[in-house]
């Protein structure tokens, strides 16, 4: 019986100013076969050094870009380690989740 690596989902949320830099960074990761990205809105208390502009305070939302990467857990852990070094203090937020099932049909 062949063992399969544990699969995971990395959700990375970034300020829009970092979108192109992160796209380039992720495309350079040879172990990543693809990813999705989309504009999202952040709501609530701001973490880190990012502060809400006056418009964001009035609207109650802050523009963000969300990336989703599905890969073996060790691959995503390595990506996170590199992100933590290269983008320290950049206002990124990530979540690493187990994938219980995934299939292309």
PDB file of N, CA and C in Angstrom:
ATOM      1  N   UNK A   1       0.841  -1.186   0.000  1.00  0.00           N
ATOM      2  CA  UNK A   1       0.000   0.000   0.000  1.00  0.00           C
ATOM      3  C   UNK A   1       0.885   1.248   0.000  1.00  0.00           C
ATOM      4  N   UNK A   2       0.594   2.193  -0.864  1.00  0.00           N
ATOM      5  CA  UNK A   2       1.391   3.410  -0.985  1.00  0.00           C
ATOM      6  C   UNK A   2       0.907   4.461   0.008  1.00  0.00           C
ATOM      7  N   UNK A   3       1.850   5.071   0.725  1.00  0.00           N
ATOM      8  CA  UNK A   3       1.495   6.138   1.662  1.00  0.00           C
ATOM      9  C   UNK A   3       1.345   7.450   0.912  1.00  0.00           C
ATOM     10  N   UNK A   4       0.364   8.222   1.336  1.00  0.00           N
ATOM     11  CA  UNK A   4       0.133   9.539   0.739  1.00  0.00           C
ATOM     12  C   UNK A   4       0.454  10.608   1.777  1.00  0.00           C
ATOM     13  N   UNK A   5       1.065  11.689   1.314  1.00  0.00           N
ATOM     14  CA  UNK A   5       1.351  12.805   2.209  1.00  0.00           C
ATOM     15  C   UNK A   5       0.045  13.438   2.679  1.00  0.00           C
ATOM     16  N   UNK A   6       0.033  13.917   3.883  1.00  0.00           N
ATOM     17  CA  UNK A   6      -1.130  14.629   4.403  1.00  0.00           C
ATOM     18  C   UNK A   6      -1.309  15.905   3.583  1.00  0.00           C
ATOM     19  N   UNK A   7      -2.521  16.121   3.117  1.00  0.00           N
ATOM     20  CA  UNK A   7      -2.823  17.299   2.316  1.00  0.00           C
ATOM     21  C   UNK A   7      -3.305  18.435   3.212  1.00  0.00           C
ATOM     22  N   UNK A   8      -3.047  19.666   2.783  1.00  0.00           N
ATOM     23  CA  UNK A   8      -3.442  20.832   3.567  1.00  0.00           C
ATOM     24  C   UNK A   8      -3.862  21.961   2.629  1.00  0.00           C
ATOM     25  N   UNK A   9      -4.512  22.949   3.216  1.00  0.00           N
ATOM     26  CA  UNK A   9      -4.935  24.141   2.495  1.00  0.00           C
ATOM     27  C   UNK A   9      -4.352  25.355   3.209  1.00  0.00           C
ATOM     28  N   UNK A  10      -3.596  26.146   2.480  1.00  0.00           N
ATOM     29  CA  UNK A  10      -3.048  27.388   3.014  1.00  0.00           C
ATOM     30  C   UNK A  10      -3.902  28.532   2.490  1.00  0.00           C
ATOM     31  N   UNK A  11      -4.458  29.306   3.406  1.00  0.00           N
ATOM     32  CA  UNK A  11      -5.188  30.521   3.051  1.00  0.00           C
ATOM     33  C   UNK A  11      -4.327  31.695   3.501  1.00  0.00           C
ATOM     34  N   UNK A  12      -3.956  32.516   2.562  1.00  0.00           N
ATOM     35  CA  UNK A  12      -3.068  33.652   2.814  1.00  0.00           C
ATOM     36  C   UNK A  12      -3.832  34.924   2.473  1.00  0.00           C
ATOM     37  N   UNK A  13      -3.896  35.849   3.431  1.00  0.00           N
ATOM     38  CA  UNK A  13      -4.616  37.109   3.227  1.00  0.00           C
ATOM     39  C   UNK A  13      -3.602  38.245   3.313  1.00  0.00           C
ATOM     40  N   UNK A  14      -3.630  39.121   2.295  1.00  0.00           N
ATOM     41  CA  UNK A  14      -2.597  40.148   2.174  1.00  0.00           C
ATOM     42  C   UNK A  14      -3.189  41.493   1.784  1.00  0.00           C
ATOM     43  N   UNK A  15      -2.474  42.565   2.108  1.00  0.00           N
ATOM     44  CA  UNK A  15      -2.869  43.880   1.600  1.00  0.00           C
ATOM     45  C   UNK A  15      -2.756  43.884   0.072  1.00  0.00           C
ATOM     46  N   UNK A  16      -3.649  44.590  -0.625  1.00  0.00           N
ATOM     47  CA  UNK A  16      -3.626  44.612  -2.091  1.00  0.00           C
ATOM     48  C   UNK A  16      -2.294  45.064  -2.679  1.00  0.00           C
ATOM     49  N   UNK A  17      -1.557  45.905  -1.975  1.00  0.00           N
ATOM     50  CA  UNK A  17      -0.273  46.391  -2.496  1.00  0.00           C
ATOM     51  C   UNK A  17       0.733  45.265  -2.672  1.00  0.00           C
ATOM     52  N   UNK A  18       0.504  44.113  -2.023  1.00  0.00           N
ATOM     53  CA  UNK A  18       1.427  42.978  -2.125  1.00  0.00           C
ATOM     54  C   UNK A  18       0.980  41.917  -3.127  1.00  0.00           C
ATOM     55  N   UNK A  19      -0.149  42.145  -3.796  1.00  0.00           N
ATOM     56  CA  UNK A  19      -0.700  41.111  -4.672  1.00  0.00           C
ATOM     57  C   UNK A  19       0.299  40.645  -5.734  1.00  0.00           C
ATOM     58  N   UNK A  20       0.851  41.557  -6.499  1.00  0.00           N
ATOM     59  CA  UNK A  20       1.752  41.153  -7.592  1.00  0.00           C
ATOM     60  C   UNK A  20       3.033  40.498  -7.070  1.00  0.00           C
ATOM     61  N   UNK A  21       3.561  41.020  -5.977  1.00  0.00           N
ATOM     62  CA  UNK A  21       4.772  40.449  -5.385  1.00  0.00           C
ATOM     63  C   UNK A  21       4.503  39.018  -4.917  1.00  0.00           C
ATOM     64  N   UNK A  22       3.337  38.803  -4.297  1.00  0.00           N
ATOM     65  CA  UNK A  22       2.993  37.462  -3.825  1.00  0.00           C
ATOM     66  C   UNK A  22       2.695  36.513  -4.984  1.00  0.00           C
ATOM     67  N   UNK A  23       2.041  36.995  -6.037  1.00  0.00           N
ATOM     68  CA  UNK A  23       1.821  36.157  -7.217  1.00  0.00           C
ATOM     69  C   UNK A  23       3.163  35.698  -7.763  1.00  0.00           C
ATOM     70  N   UNK A  24       4.107  36.615  -7.920  1.00  0.00           N
ATOM     71  CA  UNK A  24       5.435  36.247  -8.414  1.00  0.00           C
ATOM     72  C   UNK A  24       6.121  35.252  -7.483  1.00  0.00           C
ATOM     73  N   UNK A  25       6.054  35.514  -6.181  1.00  0.00           N
ATOM     74  CA  UNK A  25       6.665  34.625  -5.193  1.00  0.00           C
ATOM     75  C   UNK A  25       6.073  33.221  -5.288  1.00  0.00           C
ATOM     76  N   UNK A  26       4.750  33.121  -5.340  1.00  0.00           N
ATOM     77  CA  UNK A  26       4.098  31.809  -5.377  1.00  0.00           C
ATOM     78  C   UNK A  26       4.361  31.080  -6.687  1.00  0.00           C
ATOM     79  N   UNK A  27       4.413  31.805  -7.791  1.00  0.00           N
ATOM     80  CA  UNK A  27       4.721  31.177  -9.083  1.00  0.00           C
ATOM     81  C   UNK A  27       6.137  30.619  -9.120  1.00  0.00           C
ATOM     82  N   UNK A  28       7.025  31.167  -8.325  1.00  0.00           N
ATOM     83  CA  UNK A  28       8.409  30.691  -8.275  1.00  0.00           C
ATOM     84  C   UNK A  28       8.574  29.441  -7.413  1.00  0.00           C
ATOM     85  N   UNK A  29       7.553  29.083  -6.648  1.00  0.00           N
ATOM     86  CA  UNK A  29       7.624  27.905  -5.780  1.00  0.00           C
ATOM     87  C   UNK A  29       7.410  26.663  -6.638  1.00  0.00           C
ATOM     88  N   UNK A  30       8.470  25.935  -6.909  1.00  0.00           N
ATOM     89  CA  UNK A  30       8.393  24.796  -7.821  1.00  0.00           C
ATOM     90  C   UNK A  30       7.505  23.673  -7.302  1.00  0.00           C
ATOM     91  N   UNK A  31       7.368  23.543  -5.996  1.00  0.00           N
ATOM     92  CA  UNK A  31       6.551  22.469  -5.417  1.00  0.00           C
ATOM     93  C   UNK A  31       5.056  22.797  -5.445  1.00  0.00           C
ATOM     94  N   UNK A  32       4.696  24.032  -5.773  1.00  0.00           N
ATOM     95  CA  UNK A  32       3.298  24.446  -5.853  1.00  0.00           C
ATOM     96  C   UNK A  32       2.859  24.347  -7.312  1.00  0.00           C
ATOM     97  N   UNK A  33       1.820  23.564  -7.572  1.00  0.00           N
ATOM     98  CA  UNK A  33       1.365  23.377  -8.951  1.00  0.00           C
ATOM     99  C   UNK A  33       0.350  24.414  -9.389  1.00  0.00           C
ATOM    100  N   UNK A  34      -0.188  25.180  -8.456  1.00  0.00           N
ATOM    101  CA  UNK A  34      -1.151  26.221  -8.791  1.00  0.00           C
ATOM    102  C   UNK A  34      -1.783  26.773  -7.526  1.00  0.00           C
ATOM    103  N   UNK A  35      -2.516  27.859  -7.689  1.00  0.00           N
ATOM    104  CA  UNK A  35      -3.191  28.490  -6.564  1.00  0.00           C
ATOM    105  C   UNK A  35      -4.294  29.374  -7.109  1.00  0.00           C
ATOM    106  N   UNK A  36      -5.178  29.799  -6.235  1.00  0.00           N
ATOM    107  CA  UNK A  36      -6.225  30.741  -6.626  1.00  0.00           C
ATOM    108  C   UNK A  36      -6.034  32.035  -5.846  1.00  0.00           C
ATOM    109  N   UNK A  37      -6.539  33.111  -6.414  1.00  0.00           N
ATOM    110  CA  UNK A  37      -6.517  34.393  -5.700  1.00  0.00           C
ATOM    111  C   UNK A  37      -7.808  35.136  -5.999  1.00  0.00           C
ATOM    112  N   UNK A  38      -8.195  35.968  -5.043  1.00  0.00           N
ATOM    113  CA  UNK A  38      -9.425  36.734  -5.210  1.00  0.00           C
ATOM    114  C   UNK A  38      -9.407  37.941  -4.284  1.00  0.00           C
ATOM    115  N   UNK A  39     -10.085  39.008  -4.676  1.00  0.00           N
ATOM    116  CA  UNK A  39     -10.223  40.147  -3.766  1.00  0.00           C
ATOM    117  C   UNK A  39     -11.229  39.797  -2.668  1.00  0.00           C
ATOM    118  N   UNK A  40     -10.916  40.177  -1.453  1.00  0.00           N
ATOM    119  CA  UNK A  40     -11.818  39.968  -0.313  1.00  0.00           C
ATOM    120  C   UNK A  40     -11.829  41.239   0.527  1.00  0.00           C
ATOM    121  N   UNK A  41     -12.748  41.304   1.467  1.00  0.00           N
ATOM    122  CA  UNK A  41     -12.803  42.424   2.407  1.00  0.00           C
ATOM    123  C   UNK A  41     -12.535  41.914   3.807  1.00  0.00           C
ATOM    124  N   UNK A  42     -11.709  42.640   4.549  1.00  0.00           N
ATOM    125  CA  UNK A  42     -11.473  42.330   5.946  1.00  0.00           C
ATOM    126  C   UNK A  42     -12.365  43.215   6.811  1.00  0.00           C
ATOM    127  N   UNK A  43     -12.897  42.635   7.860  1.00  0.00           N
ATOM    128  CA  UNK A  43     -13.777  43.365   8.779  1.00  0.00           C
ATOM    129  C   UNK A  43     -13.264  43.147  10.192  1.00  0.00           C
ATOM    130  N   UNK A  44     -13.449  44.134  11.061  1.00  0.00           N
ATOM    131  CA  UNK A  44     -13.081  43.954  12.459  1.00  0.00           C
ATOM    132  C   UNK A  44     -11.802  44.672  12.825  1.00  0.00           C
ATOM    133  N   UNK A  45     -11.228  44.227  13.916  1.00  0.00           N
ATOM    134  CA  UNK A  45     -10.034  44.858  14.458  1.00  0.00           C
ATOM    135  C   UNK A  45      -8.829  44.581  13.576  1.00  0.00           C
ATOM    136  N   UNK A  46      -8.026  45.578  13.364  1.00  0.00           N
ATOM    137  CA  UNK A  46      -6.830  45.439  12.543  1.00  0.00           C
ATOM    138  C   UNK A  46      -5.687  44.929  13.401  1.00  0.00           C
ATOM    139  N   UNK A  47      -4.982  43.940  12.876  1.00  0.00           N
ATOM    140  CA  UNK A  47      -3.822  43.389  13.582  1.00  0.00           C
ATOM    141  C   UNK A  47      -2.547  43.983  13.014  1.00  0.00           C
ATOM    142  N   UNK A  48      -1.515  43.994  13.805  1.00  0.00           N
ATOM    143  CA  UNK A  48      -0.206  44.433  13.325  1.00  0.00           C
ATOM    144  C   UNK A  48      -0.138  45.931  13.124  1.00  0.00           C
ATOM    145  N   UNK A  49       0.630  46.329  12.110  1.00  0.00           N
ATOM    146  CA  UNK A  49       0.888  47.745  11.874  1.00  0.00           C
ATOM    147  C   UNK A  49      -0.108  48.375  10.905  1.00  0.00           C
ATOM    148  N   UNK A  50      -0.921  47.576  10.234  1.00  0.00           N
ATOM    149  CA  UNK A  50      -1.896  48.113   9.283  1.00  0.00           C
ATOM    150  C   UNK A  50      -2.991  48.863  10.024  1.00  0.00           C
ATOM    151  N   UNK A  51      -3.292  50.042   9.584  1.00  0.00           N
ATOM    152  CA  UNK A  51      -4.353  50.840  10.184  1.00  0.00           C
ATOM    153  C   UNK A  51      -5.398  51.145   9.120  1.00  0.00           C
ATOM    154  N   UNK A  52      -6.634  51.306   9.557  1.00  0.00           N
ATOM    155  CA  UNK A  52      -7.715  51.609   8.629  1.00  0.00           C
ATOM    156  C   UNK A  52      -7.650  53.068   8.177  1.00  0.00           C
ATOM    157  N   UNK A  53      -7.865  53.296   6.883  1.00  0.00           N
ATOM    158  CA  UNK A  53      -7.978  54.663   6.378  1.00  0.00           C
ATOM    159  C   UNK A  53      -9.336  55.199   6.817  1.00  0.00           C
ATOM    160  N   UNK A  54      -9.555  56.484   6.620  1.00  0.00           N
ATOM    161  CA  UNK A  54     -10.834  57.093   6.981  1.00  0.00           C
ATOM    162  C   UNK A  54     -11.976  56.430   6.214  1.00  0.00           C
ATOM    163  N   UNK A  55     -11.797  56.199   4.920  1.00  0.00           N
ATOM    164  CA  UNK A  55     -12.827  55.547   4.097  1.00  0.00           C
ATOM    165  C   UNK A  55     -13.103  54.142   4.630  1.00  0.00           C
ATOM    166  N   UNK A  56     -12.049  53.409   4.981  1.00  0.00           N
ATOM    167  CA  UNK A  56     -12.229  52.054   5.515  1.00  0.00           C
ATOM    168  C   UNK A  56     -12.952  52.074   6.859  1.00  0.00           C
ATOM    169  N   UNK A  57     -12.664  53.075   7.675  1.00  0.00           N
ATOM    170  CA  UNK A  57     -13.356  53.194   8.960  1.00  0.00           C
ATOM    171  C   UNK A  57     -14.853  53.431   8.756  1.00  0.00           C
ATOM    172  N   UNK A  58     -15.195  54.277   7.789  1.00  0.00           N
ATOM    173  CA  UNK A  58     -16.602  54.593   7.526  1.00  0.00           C
ATOM    174  C   UNK A  58     -17.321  53.373   6.932  1.00  0.00           C
ATOM    175  N   UNK A  59     -16.682  52.690   5.996  1.00  0.00           N
ATOM    176  CA  UNK A  59     -17.334  51.552   5.333  1.00  0.00           C
ATOM    177  C   UNK A  59     -17.298  50.283   6.176  1.00  0.00           C
ATOM    178  N   UNK A  60     -16.391  50.233   7.146  1.00  0.00           N
ATOM    179  CA  UNK A  60     -16.289  49.052   7.991  1.00  0.00           C
ATOM    180  C   UNK A  60     -15.615  47.876   7.319  1.00  0.00           C
ATOM    181  N   UNK A  61     -14.859  48.133   6.268  1.00  0.00           N
ATOM    182  CA  UNK A  61     -14.165  47.058   5.558  1.00  0.00           C
ATOM    183  C   UNK A  61     -12.835  47.540   5.020  1.00  0.00           C
ATOM    184  N   UNK A  62     -11.930  46.602   4.876  1.00  0.00           N
ATOM    185  CA  UNK A  62     -10.608  46.905   4.350  1.00  0.00           C
ATOM    186  C   UNK A  62     -10.309  45.929   3.220  1.00  0.00           C
ATOM    187  N   UNK A  63      -9.913  46.455   2.073  1.00  0.00           N
ATOM    188  CA  UNK A  63      -9.617  45.615   0.922  1.00  0.00           C
ATOM    189  C   UNK A  63      -8.429  44.705   1.188  1.00  0.00           C
ATOM    190  N   UNK A  64      -8.547  43.460   0.777  1.00  0.00           N
ATOM    191  CA  UNK A  64      -7.499  42.453   0.932  1.00  0.00           C
ATOM    192  C   UNK A  64      -7.495  41.562  -0.307  1.00  0.00           C
ATOM    193  N   UNK A  65      -6.435  40.798  -0.457  1.00  0.00           N
ATOM    194  CA  UNK A  65      -6.338  39.770  -1.484  1.00  0.00           C
ATOM    195  C   UNK A  65      -6.141  38.445  -0.767  1.00  0.00           C
ATOM    196  N   UNK A  66      -6.919  37.442  -1.174  1.00  0.00           N
ATOM    197  CA  UNK A  66      -6.814  36.120  -0.552  1.00  0.00           C
ATOM    198  C   UNK A  66      -6.252  35.127  -1.563  1.00  0.00           C
ATOM    199  N   UNK A  67      -5.271  34.358  -1.126  1.00  0.00           N
ATOM    200  CA  UNK A  67      -4.689  33.283  -1.921  1.00  0.00           C
ATOM    201  C   UNK A  67      -5.024  31.964  -1.249  1.00  0.00           C
ATOM    202  N   UNK A  68      -5.317  30.944  -2.052  1.00  0.00           N
ATOM    203  CA  UNK A  68      -5.564  29.615  -1.520  1.00  0.00           C
ATOM    204  C   UNK A  68      -4.669  28.629  -2.263  1.00  0.00           C
ATOM    205  N   UNK A  69      -3.928  27.838  -1.483  1.00  0.00           N
ATOM    206  CA  UNK A  69      -3.004  26.858  -2.037  1.00  0.00           C
ATOM    207  C   UNK A  69      -3.309  25.493  -1.423  1.00  0.00           C
ATOM    208  N   UNK A  70      -3.468  24.489  -2.270  1.00  0.00           N
ATOM    209  CA  UNK A  70      -3.725  23.121  -1.827  1.00  0.00           C
ATOM    210  C   UNK A  70      -2.507  22.291  -2.226  1.00  0.00           C
ATOM    211  N   UNK A  71      -1.866  21.661  -1.233  1.00  0.00           N
ATOM    212  CA  UNK A  71      -0.644  20.897  -1.490  1.00  0.00           C
ATOM    213  C   UNK A  71      -0.362  19.993  -0.291  1.00  0.00           C
ATOM    214  N   UNK A  72       0.632  19.124  -0.420  1.00  0.00           N
ATOM    215  CA  UNK A  72       1.035  18.337   0.746  1.00  0.00           C
ATOM    216  C   UNK A  72       1.485  19.256   1.889  1.00  0.00           C
ATOM    217  N   UNK A  73       1.168  18.858   3.102  1.00  0.00           N
ATOM    218  CA  UNK A  73       1.469  19.673   4.285  1.00  0.00           C
ATOM    219  C   UNK A  73       2.928  20.124   4.346  1.00  0.00           C
ATOM    220  N   UNK A  74       3.912  19.251   4.134  1.00  0.00           N
ATOM    221  CA  UNK A  74       5.313  19.714   4.224  1.00  0.00           C
ATOM    222  C   UNK A  74       5.661  20.810   3.211  1.00  0.00           C
ATOM    223  N   UNK A  75       5.045  20.754   2.043  1.00  0.00           N
ATOM    224  CA  UNK A  75       5.283  21.786   1.024  1.00  0.00           C
ATOM    225  C   UNK A  75       4.768  23.135   1.530  1.00  0.00           C
ATOM    226  N   UNK A  76       3.555  23.128   2.071  1.00  0.00           N
ATOM    227  CA  UNK A  76       2.971  24.382   2.559  1.00  0.00           C
ATOM    228  C   UNK A  76       3.701  24.901   3.790  1.00  0.00           C
ATOM    229  N   UNK A  77       4.187  24.020   4.637  1.00  0.00           N
ATOM    230  CA  UNK A  77       4.972  24.458   5.799  1.00  0.00           C
ATOM    231  C   UNK A  77       6.255  25.146   5.342  1.00  0.00           C
ATOM    232  N   UNK A  78       6.869  24.642   4.285  1.00  0.00           N
ATOM    233  CA  UNK A  78       8.079  25.276   3.748  1.00  0.00           C
ATOM    234  C   UNK A  78       7.758  26.643   3.147  1.00  0.00           C
ATOM    235  N   UNK A  79       6.618  26.751   2.463  1.00  0.00           N
ATOM    236  CA  UNK A  79       6.197  28.039   1.896  1.00  0.00           C
ATOM    237  C   UNK A  79       5.967  29.045   3.020  1.00  0.00           C
ATOM    238  N   UNK A  80       5.291  28.619   4.081  1.00  0.00           N
ATOM    239  CA  UNK A  80       5.047  29.508   5.221  1.00  0.00           C
ATOM    240  C   UNK A  80       6.355  29.971   5.839  1.00  0.00           C
ATOM    241  N   UNK A  81       7.308  29.074   6.005  1.00  0.00           N
ATOM    242  CA  UNK A  81       8.598  29.439   6.601  1.00  0.00           C
ATOM    243  C   UNK A  81       9.276  30.529   5.770  1.00  0.00           C
ATOM    244  N   UNK A  82       9.212  30.400   4.451  1.00  0.00           N
ATOM    245  CA  UNK A  82       9.831  31.400   3.575  1.00  0.00           C
ATOM    246  C   UNK A  82       9.055  32.722   3.617  1.00  0.00           C
ATOM    247  N   UNK A  83       7.724  32.633   3.647  1.00  0.00           N
ATOM    248  CA  UNK A  83       6.899  33.843   3.734  1.00  0.00           C
ATOM    249  C   UNK A  83       7.202  34.603   5.020  1.00  0.00           C
ATOM    250  N   UNK A  84       7.337  33.878   6.131  1.00  0.00           N
ATOM    251  CA  UNK A  84       7.600  34.533   7.424  1.00  0.00           C
ATOM    252  C   UNK A  84       8.921  35.302   7.401  1.00  0.00           C
ATOM    253  N   UNK A  85       9.881  34.843   6.619  1.00  0.00           N
ATOM    254  CA  UNK A  85      11.173  35.535   6.506  1.00  0.00           C
ATOM    255  C   UNK A  85      11.079  36.704   5.517  1.00  0.00           C
ATOM    256  N   UNK A  86      10.593  36.421   4.307  1.00  0.00           N
ATOM    257  CA  UNK A  86      10.585  37.431   3.238  1.00  0.00           C
ATOM    258  C   UNK A  86       9.575  38.550   3.453  1.00  0.00           C
ATOM    259  N   UNK A  87       8.477  38.254   4.154  1.00  0.00           N
ATOM    260  CA  UNK A  87       7.399  39.238   4.283  1.00  0.00           C
ATOM    261  C   UNK A  87       7.146  39.624   5.736  1.00  0.00           C
ATOM    262  N   UNK A  88       8.159  39.518   6.565  1.00  0.00           N
ATOM    263  CA  UNK A  88       8.006  39.879   7.982  1.00  0.00           C
ATOM    264  C   UNK A  88       7.530  41.322   8.113  1.00  0.00           C
ATOM    265  N   UNK A  89       6.492  41.541   8.905  1.00  0.00           N
ATOM    266  CA  UNK A  89       5.971  42.885   9.140  1.00  0.00           C
ATOM    267  C   UNK A  89       5.155  43.461   7.999  1.00  0.00           C
ATOM    268  N   UNK A  90       4.806  42.646   6.992  1.00  0.00           N
ATOM    269  CA  UNK A  90       4.097  43.153   5.807  1.00  0.00           C
ATOM    270  C   UNK A  90       2.581  43.158   5.961  1.00  0.00           C
ATOM    271  N   UNK A  91       2.061  42.687   7.090  1.00  0.00           N
ATOM    272  CA  UNK A  91       0.619  42.688   7.298  1.00  0.00           C
ATOM    273  C   UNK A  91      -0.092  41.483   6.726  1.00  0.00           C
ATOM    274  N   UNK A  92       0.628  40.371   6.557  1.00  0.00           N
ATOM    275  CA  UNK A  92       0.012  39.143   6.051  1.00  0.00           C
ATOM    276  C   UNK A  92      -0.629  38.364   7.192  1.00  0.00           C
ATOM    277  N   UNK A  93      -1.646  37.599   6.864  1.00  0.00           N
ATOM    278  CA  UNK A  93      -2.293  36.689   7.819  1.00  0.00           C
ATOM    279  C   UNK A  93      -2.484  35.374   7.082  1.00  0.00           C
ATOM    280  N   UNK A  94      -2.176  34.254   7.743  1.00  0.00           N
ATOM    281  CA  UNK A  94      -2.388  32.969   7.087  1.00  0.00           C
ATOM    282  C   UNK A  94      -3.072  31.987   8.019  1.00  0.00           C
ATOM    283  N   UNK A  95      -3.717  30.999   7.393  1.00  0.00           N
ATOM    284  CA  UNK A  95      -4.341  29.883   8.095  1.00  0.00           C
ATOM    285  C   UNK A  95      -3.940  28.618   7.358  1.00  0.00           C
ATOM    286  N   UNK A  96      -3.504  27.615   8.080  1.00  0.00           N
ATOM    287  CA  UNK A  96      -3.126  26.329   7.506  1.00  0.00           C
ATOM    288  C   UNK A  96      -4.104  25.296   8.043  1.00  0.00           C
ATOM    289  N   UNK A  97      -4.859  24.666   7.121  1.00  0.00           N
ATOM    290  CA  UNK A  97      -5.934  23.775   7.511  1.00  0.00           C
ATOM    291  C   UNK A  97      -5.734  22.383   6.915  1.00  0.00           C
ATOM    292  N   UNK A  98      -6.149  21.338   7.611  1.00  0.00           N
ATOM    293  CA  UNK A  98      -6.093  20.005   7.023  1.00  0.00           C
ATOM    294  C   UNK A  98      -7.170  19.865   5.932  1.00  0.00           C
ATOM    295  N   UNK A  99      -6.867  19.090   4.906  1.00  0.00           N
ATOM    296  CA  UNK A  99      -7.841  18.798   3.851  1.00  0.00           C
ATOM    297  C   UNK A  99      -8.317  17.371   4.071  1.00  0.00           C
ATOM    298  N   UNK A 100      -9.599  17.225   4.337  1.00  0.00           N
ATOM    299  CA  UNK A 100     -10.160  15.908   4.602  1.00  0.00           C
ATOM    300  C   UNK A 100     -10.428  15.140   3.319  1.00  0.00           C
ATOM    301  N   UNK A 101     -10.786  15.867   2.263  1.00  0.00           N
ATOM    302  CA  UNK A 101     -11.025  15.233   0.972  1.00  0.00           C
ATOM    303  C   UNK A 101     -10.922  16.300  -0.107  1.00  0.00           C
ATOM    304  N   UNK A 102     -10.386  15.901  -1.261  1.00  0.00           N
ATOM    305  CA  UNK A 102     -10.294  16.801  -2.398  1.00  0.00           C
ATOM    306  C   UNK A 102     -10.157  15.944  -3.661  1.00  0.00           C
ATOM    307  N   UNK A 103     -10.872  16.343  -4.700  1.00  0.00           N
ATOM    308  CA  UNK A 103     -10.805  15.590  -5.950  1.00  0.00           C
ATOM    309  C   UNK A 103     -11.270  16.481  -7.079  1.00  0.00           C
ATOM    310  N   UNK A 104     -10.613  16.390  -8.203  1.00  0.00           N
ATOM    311  CA  UNK A 104     -11.077  17.072  -9.416  1.00  0.00           C
ATOM    312  C   UNK A 104     -12.008  16.121 -10.148  1.00  0.00           C
ATOM    313  N   UNK A 105     -13.131  16.629 -10.606  1.00  0.00           N
ATOM    314  CA  UNK A 105     -14.081  15.777 -11.337  1.00  0.00           C
ATOM    315  C   UNK A 105     -14.411  16.382 -12.692  1.00  0.00           C
TER     316      UNK A 105
END
